[in-house]
Amino acid sequence: PPLPANEYSDGPEIGEAEDPSPEEEAKARAAEEQAADEGEEEEAEEEVDNEDNDD
């Protein structure tokens, strides 16, 4: 019979990492919020465009 396959690889992509500092977390949160706000603005613009096309 064939040898069993490893369920998880032992490569460098799996390992421990340093926890982010509070400052790094705050920057990441701010970037996510900004991206979300920009996405909402784009959706609002698309809705306006769609309303204009309905005429």
C-alpha atoms as a PDB file:
ATOM      1  CA  PRO A   1       0.000   0.000   0.000  1.00  0.00           C
ATOM      2  CA  PRO A   2       1.146   3.613  -0.528  1.00  0.00           C
ATOM      3  CA  LEU A   3       2.659   5.542   2.335  1.00  0.00           C
ATOM      4  CA  PRO A   4       0.286   7.863   4.182  1.00  0.00           C
ATOM      5  CA  ALA A   5       0.469  11.510   3.138  1.00  0.00           C
ATOM      6  CA  ASN A   6       1.320  14.206   5.630  1.00  0.00           C
ATOM      7  CA  GLU A   7      -1.801  16.066   6.648  1.00  0.00           C
ATOM      8  CA  TYR A   8       0.115  19.271   7.284  1.00  0.00           C
ATOM      9  CA  SER A   9       3.352  20.391   5.727  1.00  0.00           C
ATOM     10  CA  ASP A  10       6.265  21.439   7.898  1.00  0.00           C
ATOM     11  CA  GLY A  11       7.249  24.300   5.614  1.00  0.00           C
ATOM     12  CA  PRO A  12       8.055  27.874   6.587  1.00  0.00           C
ATOM     13  CA  GLU A  13       4.516  29.025   5.816  1.00  0.00           C
ATOM     14  CA  ILE A  14       3.349  27.300   8.989  1.00  0.00           C
ATOM     15  CA  GLY A  15       4.948  28.635  12.098  1.00  0.00           C
ATOM     16  CA  GLU A  16       4.748  31.122  14.885  1.00  0.00           C
ATOM     17  CA  ALA A  17       4.902  34.850  14.279  1.00  0.00           C
ATOM     18  CA  GLU A  18       5.385  37.844  16.502  1.00  0.00           C
ATOM     19  CA  ASP A  19       2.214  39.453  17.801  1.00  0.00           C
ATOM     20  CA  PRO A  20       1.624  42.925  16.399  1.00  0.00           C
ATOM     21  CA  SER A  21       2.151  45.882  18.700  1.00  0.00           C
ATOM     22  CA  PRO A  22      -0.875  47.965  19.708  1.00  0.00           C
ATOM     23  CA  GLU A  23       0.330  50.670  17.315  1.00  0.00           C
ATOM     24  CA  GLU A  24       0.489  48.185  14.435  1.00  0.00           C
ATOM     25  CA  GLU A  25      -3.001  46.923  15.284  1.00  0.00           C
ATOM     26  CA  ALA A  26      -4.353  50.479  15.303  1.00  0.00           C
ATOM     27  CA  LYS A  27      -2.781  51.185  11.900  1.00  0.00           C
ATOM     28  CA  ALA A  28      -4.244  47.972  10.476  1.00  0.00           C
ATOM     29  CA  ARG A  29      -7.712  48.774  11.845  1.00  0.00           C
ATOM     30  CA  ALA A  30      -7.561  52.301  10.420  1.00  0.00           C
ATOM     31  CA  ALA A  31      -6.531  50.949   7.011  1.00  0.00           C
ATOM     32  CA  GLU A  32      -9.388  48.416   7.037  1.00  0.00           C
ATOM     33  CA  GLU A  33     -11.916  51.095   8.006  1.00  0.00           C
ATOM     34  CA  GLN A  34     -10.632  53.417   5.286  1.00  0.00           C
ATOM     35  CA  ALA A  35     -10.883  50.639   2.704  1.00  0.00           C
ATOM     36  CA  ALA A  36     -14.413  49.842   3.870  1.00  0.00           C
ATOM     37  CA  ASP A  37     -15.401  53.516   3.658  1.00  0.00           C
ATOM     38  CA  GLU A  38     -14.011  53.766   0.127  1.00  0.00           C
ATOM     39  CA  GLY A  39     -15.933  50.629  -0.839  1.00  0.00           C
ATOM     40  CA  GLU A  40     -19.168  52.110   0.496  1.00  0.00           C
ATOM     41  CA  GLU A  41     -18.583  55.317  -1.472  1.00  0.00           C
ATOM     42  CA  GLU A  42     -18.041  53.321  -4.676  1.00  0.00           C
ATOM     43  CA  GLU A  43     -21.227  51.335  -4.057  1.00  0.00           C
ATOM     44  CA  ALA A  44     -23.176  54.566  -3.535  1.00  0.00           C
ATOM     45  CA  GLU A  45     -21.802  55.969  -6.804  1.00  0.00           C
ATOM     46  CA  GLU A  46     -22.789  52.774  -8.630  1.00  0.00           C
ATOM     47  CA  GLU A  47     -26.326  53.022  -7.239  1.00  0.00           C
ATOM     48  CA  VAL A  48     -26.600  56.599  -8.503  1.00  0.00           C
ATOM     49  CA  ASP A  49     -25.324  55.512 -11.918  1.00  0.00           C
ATOM     50  CA  ASN A  50     -27.853  52.674 -11.989  1.00  0.00           C
ATOM     51  CA  GLU A  51     -30.687  55.053 -11.119  1.00  0.00           C
ATOM     52  CA  ASP A  52     -29.637  57.352 -13.967  1.00  0.00           C
ATOM     53  CA  ASN A  53     -29.693  54.425 -16.408  1.00  0.00           C
ATOM     54  CA  ASP A  54     -33.258  53.453 -15.442  1.00  0.00           C
ATOM     55  CA  ASP A  55     -34.745  56.505 -17.215  1.00  0.00           C
END
